[in-house]
């Protein structure tokens, strides 16, 4: 804390930051948001960018668990081509023979070798 009454001006910017970034019950928003139209970036969010991403995304824990990461597969399948239409569209079935709900373009399909 401040060592004497003469150094209060050194801590004043931090006090203002805390005041301006605290949600007011009367408005439901921070004074910074009301003035500038966007939330303030606090120093901790600059040093740890993942904190800001979590706050801005507003995603529940369940959704984070189910979210696709970059290591998850980018494809589905395997499928069997049931019918090929003249315009390059394919009717696909899964291994059990269940028909897919829609056609898919042949350019979006990769070969699968057994």
PDB file of N, CA and C in Angstrom:
ATOM      1  N   UNK A   1       0.829  -1.176   0.000  1.00  0.00           N
ATOM      2  CA  UNK A   1       0.000   0.000   0.000  1.00  0.00           C
ATOM      3  C   UNK A   1       0.873   1.237   0.000  1.00  0.00           C
ATOM      4  N   UNK A   2       0.281   2.356   0.048  1.00  0.00           N
ATOM      5  CA  UNK A   2       1.009   3.618   0.028  1.00  0.00           C
ATOM      6  C   UNK A   2       1.733   3.785   1.356  1.00  0.00           C
ATOM      7  N   UNK A   3       3.035   4.117   1.274  1.00  0.00           N
ATOM      8  CA  UNK A   3       3.847   4.236   2.480  1.00  0.00           C
ATOM      9  C   UNK A   3       3.585   5.524   3.249  1.00  0.00           C
ATOM     10  N   UNK A   4       3.105   6.523   2.586  1.00  0.00           N
ATOM     11  CA  UNK A   4       2.820   7.778   3.258  1.00  0.00           C
ATOM     12  C   UNK A   4       1.730   8.512   2.516  1.00  0.00           C
ATOM     13  N   UNK A   5       1.271   9.583   3.092  1.00  0.00           N
ATOM     14  CA  UNK A   5       0.184  10.320   2.451  1.00  0.00           C
ATOM     15  C   UNK A   5       0.649  11.112   1.238  1.00  0.00           C
ATOM     16  N   UNK A   6       1.950  11.192   1.022  1.00  0.00           N
ATOM     17  CA  UNK A   6       2.458  11.973  -0.105  1.00  0.00           C
ATOM     18  C   UNK A   6       2.577  11.149  -1.396  1.00  0.00           C
ATOM     19  N   UNK A   7       2.440   9.829  -1.333  1.00  0.00           N
ATOM     20  CA  UNK A   7       2.572   8.998  -2.540  1.00  0.00           C
ATOM     21  C   UNK A   7       1.231   8.513  -3.078  1.00  0.00           C
ATOM     22  N   UNK A   8       0.147   9.070  -2.667  1.00  0.00           N
ATOM     23  CA  UNK A   8      -1.163   8.602  -3.110  1.00  0.00           C
ATOM     24  C   UNK A   8      -1.336   8.741  -4.617  1.00  0.00           C
ATOM     25  N   UNK A   9      -0.694   9.722  -5.206  1.00  0.00           N
ATOM     26  CA  UNK A   9      -0.837   9.957  -6.644  1.00  0.00           C
ATOM     27  C   UNK A   9      -0.226   8.829  -7.475  1.00  0.00           C
ATOM     28  N   UNK A  10       0.687   8.050  -6.890  1.00  0.00           N
ATOM     29  CA  UNK A  10       1.297   6.935  -7.620  1.00  0.00           C
ATOM     30  C   UNK A  10       0.313   5.768  -7.779  1.00  0.00           C
ATOM     31  N   UNK A  11      -0.581   5.603  -6.847  1.00  0.00           N
ATOM     32  CA  UNK A  11      -1.562   4.511  -6.900  1.00  0.00           C
ATOM     33  C   UNK A  11      -2.890   4.935  -7.509  1.00  0.00           C
ATOM     34  N   UNK A  12      -3.062   6.202  -7.759  1.00  0.00           N
ATOM     35  CA  UNK A  12      -4.337   6.724  -8.242  1.00  0.00           C
ATOM     36  C   UNK A  12      -4.785   6.111  -9.577  1.00  0.00           C
ATOM     37  N   UNK A  13      -3.892   5.902 -10.573  1.00  0.00           N
ATOM     38  CA  UNK A  13      -4.340   5.265 -11.827  1.00  0.00           C
ATOM     39  C   UNK A  13      -4.935   3.868 -11.618  1.00  0.00           C
ATOM     40  N   UNK A  14      -4.397   3.116 -10.661  1.00  0.00           N
ATOM     41  CA  UNK A  14      -4.921   1.780 -10.389  1.00  0.00           C
ATOM     42  C   UNK A  14      -6.299   1.847  -9.735  1.00  0.00           C
ATOM     43  N   UNK A  15      -6.487   2.841  -8.880  1.00  0.00           N
ATOM     44  CA  UNK A  15      -7.794   3.043  -8.254  1.00  0.00           C
ATOM     45  C   UNK A  15      -8.829   3.408  -9.309  1.00  0.00           C
ATOM     46  N   UNK A  16      -8.461   4.291 -10.230  1.00  0.00           N
ATOM     47  CA  UNK A  16      -9.378   4.682 -11.302  1.00  0.00           C
ATOM     48  C   UNK A  16      -9.717   3.501 -12.205  1.00  0.00           C
ATOM     49  N   UNK A  17      -8.719   2.674 -12.512  1.00  0.00           N
ATOM     50  CA  UNK A  17      -8.974   1.494 -13.345  1.00  0.00           C
ATOM     51  C   UNK A  17      -9.979   0.572 -12.660  1.00  0.00           C
ATOM     52  N   UNK A  18      -9.799   0.339 -11.374  1.00  0.00           N
ATOM     53  CA  UNK A  18     -10.739  -0.499 -10.639  1.00  0.00           C
ATOM     54  C   UNK A  18     -12.135   0.090 -10.612  1.00  0.00           C
ATOM     55  N   UNK A  19     -12.219   1.385 -10.425  1.00  0.00           N
ATOM     56  CA  UNK A  19     -13.523   2.048 -10.371  1.00  0.00           C
ATOM     57  C   UNK A  19     -14.220   2.003 -11.727  1.00  0.00           C
ATOM     58  N   UNK A  20     -13.468   2.249 -12.779  1.00  0.00           N
ATOM     59  CA  UNK A  20     -14.062   2.327 -14.122  1.00  0.00           C
ATOM     60  C   UNK A  20     -14.402   0.965 -14.711  1.00  0.00           C
ATOM     61  N   UNK A  21     -13.837  -0.104 -14.173  1.00  0.00           N
ATOM     62  CA  UNK A  21     -14.101  -1.438 -14.722  1.00  0.00           C
ATOM     63  C   UNK A  21     -14.986  -2.287 -13.812  1.00  0.00           C
ATOM     64  N   UNK A  22     -15.574  -1.690 -12.795  1.00  0.00           N
ATOM     65  CA  UNK A  22     -16.490  -2.392 -11.897  1.00  0.00           C
ATOM     66  C   UNK A  22     -17.928  -2.147 -12.353  1.00  0.00           C
ATOM     67  N   UNK A  23     -18.694  -3.218 -12.438  1.00  0.00           N
ATOM     68  CA  UNK A  23     -20.082  -3.121 -12.894  1.00  0.00           C
ATOM     69  C   UNK A  23     -20.914  -2.380 -11.852  1.00  0.00           C
ATOM     70  N   UNK A  24     -21.687  -1.420 -12.295  1.00  0.00           N
ATOM     71  CA  UNK A  24     -22.598  -0.658 -11.429  1.00  0.00           C
ATOM     72  C   UNK A  24     -23.959  -1.344 -11.429  1.00  0.00           C
ATOM     73  N   UNK A  25     -24.545  -1.488 -10.261  1.00  0.00           N
ATOM     74  CA  UNK A  25     -25.845  -2.158 -10.166  1.00  0.00           C
ATOM     75  C   UNK A  25     -26.954  -1.330 -10.798  1.00  0.00           C
ATOM     76  N   UNK A  26     -26.817  -0.025 -10.790  1.00  0.00           N
ATOM     77  CA  UNK A  26     -27.880   0.823 -11.343  1.00  0.00           C
ATOM     78  C   UNK A  26     -27.972   0.714 -12.858  1.00  0.00           C
ATOM     79  N   UNK A  27     -26.839   0.553 -13.534  1.00  0.00           N
ATOM     80  CA  UNK A  27     -26.842   0.484 -15.001  1.00  0.00           C
ATOM     81  C   UNK A  27     -26.616  -0.920 -15.522  1.00  0.00           C
ATOM     82  N   UNK A  28     -26.017  -1.778 -14.707  1.00  0.00           N
ATOM     83  CA  UNK A  28     -25.697  -3.130 -15.157  1.00  0.00           C
ATOM     84  C   UNK A  28     -24.496  -3.166 -16.076  1.00  0.00           C
ATOM     85  N   UNK A  29     -23.724  -2.091 -16.121  1.00  0.00           N
ATOM     86  CA  UNK A  29     -22.557  -2.006 -16.989  1.00  0.00           C
ATOM     87  C   UNK A  29     -21.452  -1.246 -16.268  1.00  0.00           C
ATOM     88  N   UNK A  30     -20.260  -1.303 -16.830  1.00  0.00           N
ATOM     89  CA  UNK A  30     -19.143  -0.548 -16.269  1.00  0.00           C
ATOM     90  C   UNK A  30     -19.152   0.867 -16.836  1.00  0.00           C
ATOM     91  N   UNK A  31     -18.634   1.837 -16.089  1.00  0.00           N
ATOM     92  CA  UNK A  31     -18.526   3.190 -16.639  1.00  0.00           C
ATOM     93  C   UNK A  31     -17.687   3.232 -17.917  1.00  0.00           C
ATOM     94  N   UNK A  32     -16.657   2.419 -17.997  1.00  0.00           N
ATOM     95  CA  UNK A  32     -15.810   2.376 -19.187  1.00  0.00           C
ATOM     96  C   UNK A  32     -16.620   1.947 -20.410  1.00  0.00           C
ATOM     97  N   UNK A  33     -17.462   0.928 -20.245  1.00  0.00           N
ATOM     98  CA  UNK A  33     -18.301   0.451 -21.342  1.00  0.00           C
ATOM     99  C   UNK A  33     -19.273   1.526 -21.796  1.00  0.00           C
ATOM    100  N   UNK A  34     -19.850   2.246 -20.859  1.00  0.00           N
ATOM    101  CA  UNK A  34     -20.811   3.287 -21.216  1.00  0.00           C
ATOM    102  C   UNK A  34     -20.156   4.447 -21.960  1.00  0.00           C
ATOM    103  N   UNK A  35     -18.916   4.756 -21.628  1.00  0.00           N
ATOM    104  CA  UNK A  35     -18.229   5.881 -22.275  1.00  0.00           C
ATOM    105  C   UNK A  35     -17.650   5.479 -23.622  1.00  0.00           C
ATOM    106  N   UNK A  36     -16.946   4.330 -23.678  1.00  0.00           N
ATOM    107  CA  UNK A  36     -16.204   3.956 -24.882  1.00  0.00           C
ATOM    108  C   UNK A  36     -16.901   2.912 -25.748  1.00  0.00           C
ATOM    109  N   UNK A  37     -17.938   2.264 -25.252  1.00  0.00           N
ATOM    110  CA  UNK A  37     -18.674   1.291 -26.053  1.00  0.00           C
ATOM    111  C   UNK A  37     -18.052  -0.079 -26.107  1.00  0.00           C
ATOM    112  N   UNK A  38     -16.979  -0.314 -25.393  1.00  0.00           N
ATOM    113  CA  UNK A  38     -16.325  -1.613 -25.338  1.00  0.00           C
ATOM    114  C   UNK A  38     -15.748  -1.801 -23.945  1.00  0.00           C
ATOM    115  N   UNK A  39     -15.563  -3.045 -23.547  1.00  0.00           N
ATOM    116  CA  UNK A  39     -14.999  -3.296 -22.225  1.00  0.00           C
ATOM    117  C   UNK A  39     -13.508  -2.984 -22.221  1.00  0.00           C
ATOM    118  N   UNK A  40     -13.009  -2.558 -21.083  1.00  0.00           N
ATOM    119  CA  UNK A  40     -11.591  -2.236 -20.922  1.00  0.00           C
ATOM    120  C   UNK A  40     -10.771  -3.516 -20.880  1.00  0.00           C
ATOM    121  N   UNK A  41      -9.550  -3.445 -21.374  1.00  0.00           N
ATOM    122  CA  UNK A  41      -8.613  -4.556 -21.284  1.00  0.00           C
ATOM    123  C   UNK A  41      -7.741  -4.295 -20.068  1.00  0.00           C
ATOM    124  N   UNK A  42      -7.875  -5.151 -19.064  1.00  0.00           N
ATOM    125  CA  UNK A  42      -7.082  -4.955 -17.859  1.00  0.00           C
ATOM    126  C   UNK A  42      -5.699  -5.571 -18.064  1.00  0.00           C
ATOM    127  N   UNK A  43      -4.691  -5.126 -17.320  1.00  0.00           N
ATOM    128  CA  UNK A  43      -3.323  -5.623 -17.527  1.00  0.00           C
ATOM    129  C   UNK A  43      -3.188  -7.137 -17.441  1.00  0.00           C
ATOM    130  N   UNK A  44      -3.957  -7.799 -16.585  1.00  0.00           N
ATOM    131  CA  UNK A  44      -3.874  -9.260 -16.485  1.00  0.00           C
ATOM    132  C   UNK A  44      -4.326  -9.921 -17.780  1.00  0.00           C
ATOM    133  N   UNK A  45      -5.306  -9.343 -18.482  1.00  0.00           N
ATOM    134  CA  UNK A  45      -5.780  -9.911 -19.742  1.00  0.00           C
ATOM    135  C   UNK A  45      -4.758  -9.733 -20.849  1.00  0.00           C
ATOM    136  N   UNK A  46      -3.938  -8.710 -20.762  1.00  0.00           N
ATOM    137  CA  UNK A  46      -2.898  -8.497 -21.769  1.00  0.00           C
ATOM    138  C   UNK A  46      -1.813  -9.545 -21.616  1.00  0.00           C
ATOM    139  N   UNK A  47      -1.442  -9.841 -20.372  1.00  0.00           N
ATOM    140  CA  UNK A  47      -0.382 -10.818 -20.123  1.00  0.00           C
ATOM    141  C   UNK A  47      -0.867 -12.250 -20.308  1.00  0.00           C
ATOM    142  N   UNK A  48      -2.146 -12.516 -20.038  1.00  0.00           N
ATOM    143  CA  UNK A  48      -2.709 -13.858 -20.191  1.00  0.00           C
ATOM    144  C   UNK A  48      -3.901 -13.748 -21.141  1.00  0.00           C
ATOM    145  N   UNK A  49      -3.667 -13.826 -22.477  1.00  0.00           N
ATOM    146  CA  UNK A  49      -4.752 -13.620 -23.436  1.00  0.00           C
ATOM    147  C   UNK A  49      -5.885 -14.629 -23.319  1.00  0.00           C
ATOM    148  N   UNK A  50      -5.615 -15.823 -22.804  1.00  0.00           N
ATOM    149  CA  UNK A  50      -6.673 -16.828 -22.715  1.00  0.00           C
ATOM    150  C   UNK A  50      -7.783 -16.394 -21.765  1.00  0.00           C
ATOM    151  N   UNK A  51      -7.478 -15.563 -20.763  1.00  0.00           N
ATOM    152  CA  UNK A  51      -8.522 -15.068 -19.866  1.00  0.00           C
ATOM    153  C   UNK A  51      -9.545 -14.251 -20.627  1.00  0.00           C
ATOM    154  N   UNK A  52      -9.070 -13.391 -21.525  1.00  0.00           N
ATOM    155  CA  UNK A  52      -9.976 -12.541 -22.296  1.00  0.00           C
ATOM    156  C   UNK A  52     -10.823 -13.383 -23.242  1.00  0.00           C
ATOM    157  N   UNK A  53     -10.234 -14.400 -23.847  1.00  0.00           N
ATOM    158  CA  UNK A  53     -10.973 -15.267 -24.768  1.00  0.00           C
ATOM    159  C   UNK A  53     -12.104 -15.966 -24.031  1.00  0.00           C
ATOM    160  N   UNK A  54     -11.839 -16.463 -22.838  1.00  0.00           N
ATOM    161  CA  UNK A  54     -12.859 -17.167 -22.065  1.00  0.00           C
ATOM    162  C   UNK A  54     -13.985 -16.225 -21.687  1.00  0.00           C
ATOM    163  N   UNK A  55     -13.656 -15.012 -21.284  1.00  0.00           N
ATOM    164  CA  UNK A  55     -14.683 -14.052 -20.882  1.00  0.00           C
ATOM    165  C   UNK A  55     -15.519 -13.625 -22.082  1.00  0.00           C
ATOM    166  N   UNK A  56     -14.874 -13.327 -23.219  1.00  0.00           N
ATOM    167  CA  UNK A  56     -15.606 -12.849 -24.394  1.00  0.00           C
ATOM    168  C   UNK A  56     -16.449 -13.941 -25.032  1.00  0.00           C
ATOM    169  N   UNK A  57     -15.985 -15.182 -24.980  1.00  0.00           N
ATOM    170  CA  UNK A  57     -16.703 -16.267 -25.639  1.00  0.00           C
ATOM    171  C   UNK A  57     -18.016 -16.584 -24.936  1.00  0.00           C
ATOM    172  N   UNK A  58     -18.076 -16.412 -23.635  1.00  0.00           N
ATOM    173  CA  UNK A  58     -19.265 -16.713 -22.844  1.00  0.00           C
ATOM    174  C   UNK A  58     -19.779 -18.126 -23.126  1.00  0.00           C
ATOM    175  N   UNK A  59     -18.863 -19.088 -23.114  1.00  0.00           N
ATOM    176  CA  UNK A  59     -19.199 -20.478 -23.392  1.00  0.00           C
ATOM    177  C   UNK A  59     -19.235 -21.244 -22.076  1.00  0.00           C
ATOM    178  N   UNK A  60     -20.263 -22.070 -21.900  1.00  0.00           N
ATOM    179  CA  UNK A  60     -20.383 -22.889 -20.700  1.00  0.00           C
ATOM    180  C   UNK A  60     -19.310 -23.972 -20.696  1.00  0.00           C
ATOM    181  N   UNK A  61     -19.071 -24.552 -19.520  1.00  0.00           N
ATOM    182  CA  UNK A  61     -18.078 -25.614 -19.397  1.00  0.00           C
ATOM    183  C   UNK A  61     -18.433 -26.812 -20.268  1.00  0.00           C
ATOM    184  N   UNK A  62     -19.724 -27.145 -20.365  1.00  0.00           N
ATOM    185  CA  UNK A  62     -20.145 -28.278 -21.194  1.00  0.00           C
ATOM    186  C   UNK A  62     -19.784 -28.054 -22.656  1.00  0.00           C
ATOM    187  N   UNK A  63     -19.934 -26.826 -23.121  1.00  0.00           N
ATOM    188  CA  UNK A  63     -19.624 -26.524 -24.516  1.00  0.00           C
ATOM    189  C   UNK A  63     -18.127 -26.571 -24.773  1.00  0.00           C
ATOM    190  N   UNK A  64     -17.300 -26.188 -23.792  1.00  0.00           N
ATOM    191  CA  UNK A  64     -15.850 -26.280 -23.968  1.00  0.00           C
ATOM    192  C   UNK A  64     -15.438 -27.739 -24.113  1.00  0.00           C
ATOM    193  N   UNK A  65     -16.080 -28.639 -23.358  1.00  0.00           N
ATOM    194  CA  UNK A  65     -15.738 -30.055 -23.435  1.00  0.00           C
ATOM    195  C   UNK A  65     -16.097 -30.607 -24.803  1.00  0.00           C
ATOM    196  N   UNK A  66     -17.250 -30.207 -25.352  1.00  0.00           N
ATOM    197  CA  UNK A  66     -17.710 -30.737 -26.626  1.00  0.00           C
ATOM    198  C   UNK A  66     -17.110 -30.023 -27.837  1.00  0.00           C
ATOM    199  N   UNK A  67     -16.408 -28.917 -27.633  1.00  0.00           N
ATOM    200  CA  UNK A  67     -15.869 -28.144 -28.753  1.00  0.00           C
ATOM    201  C   UNK A  67     -14.792 -28.941 -29.478  1.00  0.00           C
ATOM    202  N   UNK A  68     -14.776 -28.806 -30.800  1.00  0.00           N
ATOM    203  CA  UNK A  68     -13.757 -29.469 -31.595  1.00  0.00           C
ATOM    204  C   UNK A  68     -12.444 -28.716 -31.447  1.00  0.00           C
ATOM    205  N   UNK A  69     -11.407 -29.416 -31.123  1.00  0.00           N
ATOM    206  CA  UNK A  69     -10.083 -28.818 -31.067  1.00  0.00           C
ATOM    207  C   UNK A  69      -9.353 -29.060 -32.372  1.00  0.00           C
ATOM    208  N   UNK A  70      -8.151 -28.537 -32.482  1.00  0.00           N
ATOM    209  CA  UNK A  70      -7.434 -28.695 -33.736  1.00  0.00           C
ATOM    210  C   UNK A  70      -6.900 -30.117 -33.923  1.00  0.00           C
ATOM    211  N   UNK A  71      -6.906 -30.923 -32.871  1.00  0.00           N
ATOM    212  CA  UNK A  71      -6.446 -32.297 -33.005  1.00  0.00           C
ATOM    213  C   UNK A  71      -7.580 -33.280 -33.283  1.00  0.00           C
ATOM    214  N   UNK A  72      -8.813 -32.824 -33.284  1.00  0.00           N
ATOM    215  CA  UNK A  72      -9.929 -33.716 -33.584  1.00  0.00           C
ATOM    216  C   UNK A  72     -10.021 -33.926 -35.096  1.00  0.00           C
ATOM    217  N   UNK A  73     -10.596 -35.041 -35.529  1.00  0.00           N
ATOM    218  CA  UNK A  73     -10.665 -35.312 -36.967  1.00  0.00           C
ATOM    219  C   UNK A  73     -11.527 -34.290 -37.709  1.00  0.00           C
ATOM    220  N   UNK A  74     -11.122 -33.969 -38.924  1.00  0.00           N
ATOM    221  CA  UNK A  74     -11.839 -33.012 -39.762  1.00  0.00           C
ATOM    222  C   UNK A  74     -12.805 -33.711 -40.713  1.00  0.00           C
ATOM    223  N   UNK A  75     -13.057 -34.961 -40.497  1.00  0.00           N
ATOM    224  CA  UNK A  75     -13.880 -35.729 -41.419  1.00  0.00           C
ATOM    225  C   UNK A  75     -14.826 -36.626 -40.641  1.00  0.00           C
ATOM    226  N   UNK A  76     -15.775 -37.197 -41.356  1.00  0.00           N
ATOM    227  CA  UNK A  76     -16.696 -38.184 -40.808  1.00  0.00           C
ATOM    228  C   UNK A  76     -16.603 -39.414 -41.688  1.00  0.00           C
ATOM    229  N   UNK A  77     -17.046 -40.530 -41.173  1.00  0.00           N
ATOM    230  CA  UNK A  77     -17.080 -41.697 -42.042  1.00  0.00           C
ATOM    231  C   UNK A  77     -16.493 -42.908 -41.369  1.00  0.00           C
ATOM    232  N   UNK A  78     -16.286 -43.954 -42.127  1.00  0.00           N
ATOM    233  CA  UNK A  78     -16.373 -44.078 -43.584  1.00  0.00           C
ATOM    234  C   UNK A  78     -17.806 -44.264 -44.069  1.00  0.00           C
ATOM    235  N   UNK A  79     -18.025 -43.920 -45.331  1.00  0.00           N
ATOM    236  CA  UNK A  79     -19.313 -44.060 -45.992  1.00  0.00           C
ATOM    237  C   UNK A  79     -19.141 -44.874 -47.266  1.00  0.00           C
ATOM    238  N   UNK A  80     -20.249 -45.410 -47.744  1.00  0.00           N
ATOM    239  CA  UNK A  80     -20.279 -46.143 -49.007  1.00  0.00           C
ATOM    240  C   UNK A  80     -21.094 -45.312 -49.989  1.00  0.00           C
ATOM    241  N   UNK A  81     -20.572 -45.159 -51.216  1.00  0.00           N
ATOM    242  CA  UNK A  81     -21.306 -44.418 -52.244  1.00  0.00           C
ATOM    243  C   UNK A  81     -22.427 -45.312 -52.747  1.00  0.00           C
ATOM    244  N   UNK A  82     -23.662 -44.889 -52.521  1.00  0.00           N
ATOM    245  CA  UNK A  82     -24.821 -45.673 -52.932  1.00  0.00           C
ATOM    246  C   UNK A  82     -25.233 -45.334 -54.356  1.00  0.00           C
ATOM    247  N   UNK A  83     -25.186 -44.038 -54.696  1.00  0.00           N
ATOM    248  CA  UNK A  83     -25.598 -43.612 -56.026  1.00  0.00           C
ATOM    249  C   UNK A  83     -24.864 -42.328 -56.372  1.00  0.00           C
ATOM    250  N   UNK A  84     -24.450 -42.229 -57.653  1.00  0.00           N
ATOM    251  CA  UNK A  84     -23.777 -41.017 -58.115  1.00  0.00           C
ATOM    252  C   UNK A  84     -24.670 -40.329 -59.133  1.00  0.00           C
ATOM    253  N   UNK A  85     -24.971 -39.069 -58.891  1.00  0.00           N
ATOM    254  CA  UNK A  85     -25.808 -38.290 -59.798  1.00  0.00           C
ATOM    255  C   UNK A  85     -24.943 -37.652 -60.881  1.00  0.00           C
ATOM    256  N   UNK A  86     -25.530 -37.299 -62.034  1.00  0.00           N
ATOM    257  CA  UNK A  86     -24.739 -36.767 -63.145  1.00  0.00           C
ATOM    258  C   UNK A  86     -24.041 -35.437 -62.835  1.00  0.00           C
ATOM    259  N   UNK A  87     -24.544 -34.650 -61.903  1.00  0.00           N
ATOM    260  CA  UNK A  87     -23.928 -33.352 -61.622  1.00  0.00           C
ATOM    261  C   UNK A  87     -22.787 -33.440 -60.612  1.00  0.00           C
ATOM    262  N   UNK A  88     -22.373 -34.634 -60.215  1.00  0.00           N
ATOM    263  CA  UNK A  88     -21.263 -34.812 -59.287  1.00  0.00           C
ATOM    264  C   UNK A  88     -21.685 -34.986 -57.844  1.00  0.00           C
ATOM    265  N   UNK A  89     -22.979 -35.047 -57.590  1.00  0.00           N
ATOM    266  CA  UNK A  89     -23.470 -35.248 -56.229  1.00  0.00           C
ATOM    267  C   UNK A  89     -23.530 -36.735 -55.925  1.00  0.00           C
ATOM    268  N   UNK A  90     -23.351 -37.073 -54.659  1.00  0.00           N
ATOM    269  CA  UNK A  90     -23.340 -38.467 -54.238  1.00  0.00           C
ATOM    270  C   UNK A  90     -24.388 -38.707 -53.164  1.00  0.00           C
ATOM    271  N   UNK A  91     -25.025 -39.882 -53.221  1.00  0.00           N
ATOM    272  CA  UNK A  91     -25.845 -40.374 -52.123  1.00  0.00           C
ATOM    273  C   UNK A  91     -24.968 -41.342 -51.348  1.00  0.00           C
ATOM    274  N   UNK A  92     -24.815 -41.101 -50.048  1.00  0.00           N
ATOM    275  CA  UNK A  92     -23.937 -41.928 -49.232  1.00  0.00           C
ATOM    276  C   UNK A  92     -24.740 -42.725 -48.219  1.00  0.00           C
ATOM    277  N   UNK A  93     -24.201 -43.885 -47.844  1.00  0.00           N
ATOM    278  CA  UNK A  93     -24.739 -44.672 -46.739  1.00  0.00           C
ATOM    279  C   UNK A  93     -23.590 -44.967 -45.788  1.00  0.00           C
ATOM    280  N   UNK A  94     -23.923 -45.170 -44.521  1.00  0.00           N
ATOM    281  CA  UNK A  94     -22.863 -45.562 -43.596  1.00  0.00           C
ATOM    282  C   UNK A  94     -22.635 -47.065 -43.716  1.00  0.00           C
ATOM    283  N   UNK A  95     -21.744 -47.589 -42.918  1.00  0.00           N
ATOM    284  CA  UNK A  95     -21.383 -49.003 -43.002  1.00  0.00           C
ATOM    285  C   UNK A  95     -22.586 -49.907 -42.740  1.00  0.00           C
ATOM    286  N   UNK A  96     -23.512 -49.462 -41.902  1.00  0.00           N
ATOM    287  CA  UNK A  96     -24.690 -50.261 -41.575  1.00  0.00           C
ATOM    288  C   UNK A  96     -25.775 -50.160 -42.635  1.00  0.00           C
ATOM    289  N   UNK A  97     -25.605 -49.310 -43.647  1.00  0.00           N
ATOM    290  CA  UNK A  97     -26.578 -49.173 -44.714  1.00  0.00           C
ATOM    291  C   UNK A  97     -27.577 -48.050 -44.515  1.00  0.00           C
ATOM    292  N   UNK A  98     -27.429 -47.272 -43.469  1.00  0.00           N
ATOM    293  CA  UNK A  98     -28.343 -46.156 -43.214  1.00  0.00           C
ATOM    294  C   UNK A  98     -28.012 -45.013 -44.170  1.00  0.00           C
ATOM    295  N   UNK A  99     -29.024 -44.552 -44.890  1.00  0.00           N
ATOM    296  CA  UNK A  99     -28.843 -43.520 -45.910  1.00  0.00           C
ATOM    297  C   UNK A  99     -28.593 -42.161 -45.264  1.00  0.00           C
ATOM    298  N   UNK A 100     -27.677 -41.395 -45.825  1.00  0.00           N
ATOM    299  CA  UNK A 100     -27.421 -40.034 -45.353  1.00  0.00           C
ATOM    300  C   UNK A 100     -28.614 -39.154 -45.694  1.00  0.00           C
ATOM    301  N   UNK A 101     -28.790 -38.075 -44.937  1.00  0.00           N
ATOM    302  CA  UNK A 101     -29.964 -37.225 -45.099  1.00  0.00           C
ATOM    303  C   UNK A 101     -29.906 -36.339 -46.334  1.00  0.00           C
ATOM    304  N   UNK A 102     -28.715 -36.065 -46.853  1.00  0.00           N
ATOM    305  CA  UNK A 102     -28.617 -35.182 -48.013  1.00  0.00           C
ATOM    306  C   UNK A 102     -27.504 -35.656 -48.931  1.00  0.00           C
ATOM    307  N   UNK A 103     -27.480 -35.096 -50.119  1.00  0.00           N
ATOM    308  CA  UNK A 103     -26.411 -35.421 -51.055  1.00  0.00           C
ATOM    309  C   UNK A 103     -25.189 -34.586 -50.707  1.00  0.00           C
ATOM    310  N   UNK A 104     -24.045 -35.047 -51.178  1.00  0.00           N
ATOM    311  CA  UNK A 104     -22.799 -34.320 -50.950  1.00  0.00           C
ATOM    312  C   UNK A 104     -22.026 -34.275 -52.256  1.00  0.00           C
ATOM    313  N   UNK A 105     -21.300 -33.203 -52.467  1.00  0.00           N
ATOM    314  CA  UNK A 105     -20.517 -33.042 -53.681  1.00  0.00           C
ATOM    315  C   UNK A 105     -19.334 -34.005 -53.656  1.00  0.00           C
ATOM    316  N   UNK A 106     -19.029 -34.593 -54.806  1.00  0.00           N
ATOM    317  CA  UNK A 106     -17.943 -35.561 -54.903  1.00  0.00           C
ATOM    318  C   UNK A 106     -16.588 -34.935 -54.582  1.00  0.00           C
ATOM    319  N   UNK A 107     -16.440 -33.619 -54.761  1.00  0.00           N
ATOM    320  CA  UNK A 107     -15.172 -32.954 -54.451  1.00  0.00           C
ATOM    321  C   UNK A 107     -14.882 -32.948 -52.948  1.00  0.00           C
ATOM    322  N   UNK A 108     -15.908 -33.075 -52.130  1.00  0.00           N
ATOM    323  CA  UNK A 108     -15.737 -33.025 -50.682  1.00  0.00           C
ATOM    324  C   UNK A 108     -15.491 -34.404 -50.074  1.00  0.00           C
ATOM    325  N   UNK A 109     -15.418 -35.443 -50.899  1.00  0.00           N
ATOM    326  CA  UNK A 109     -15.273 -36.816 -50.419  1.00  0.00           C
ATOM    327  C   UNK A 109     -13.856 -37.294 -50.695  1.00  0.00           C
ATOM    328  N   UNK A 110     -13.280 -38.013 -49.732  1.00  0.00           N
ATOM    329  CA  UNK A 110     -11.955 -38.607 -49.915  1.00  0.00           C
ATOM    330  C   UNK A 110     -12.101 -40.116 -49.977  1.00  0.00           C
ATOM    331  N   UNK A 111     -11.221 -40.736 -50.713  1.00  0.00           N
ATOM    332  CA  UNK A 111     -11.251 -42.199 -50.820  1.00  0.00           C
ATOM    333  C   UNK A 111     -10.795 -42.820 -49.506  1.00  0.00           C
ATOM    334  N   UNK A 112     -11.408 -43.945 -49.187  1.00  0.00           N
ATOM    335  CA  UNK A 112     -11.052 -44.703 -48.000  1.00  0.00           C
ATOM    336  C   UNK A 112     -10.775 -46.126 -48.444  1.00  0.00           C
ATOM    337  N   UNK A 113      -9.572 -46.599 -48.181  1.00  0.00           N
ATOM    338  CA  UNK A 113      -9.188 -47.943 -48.601  1.00  0.00           C
ATOM    339  C   UNK A 113      -9.218 -48.874 -47.400  1.00  0.00           C
ATOM    340  N   UNK A 114      -9.834 -50.032 -47.596  1.00  0.00           N
ATOM    341  CA  UNK A 114      -9.942 -51.010 -46.510  1.00  0.00           C
ATOM    342  C   UNK A 114      -8.775 -51.944 -46.561  1.00  0.00           C
TER     343      UNK A 114
END
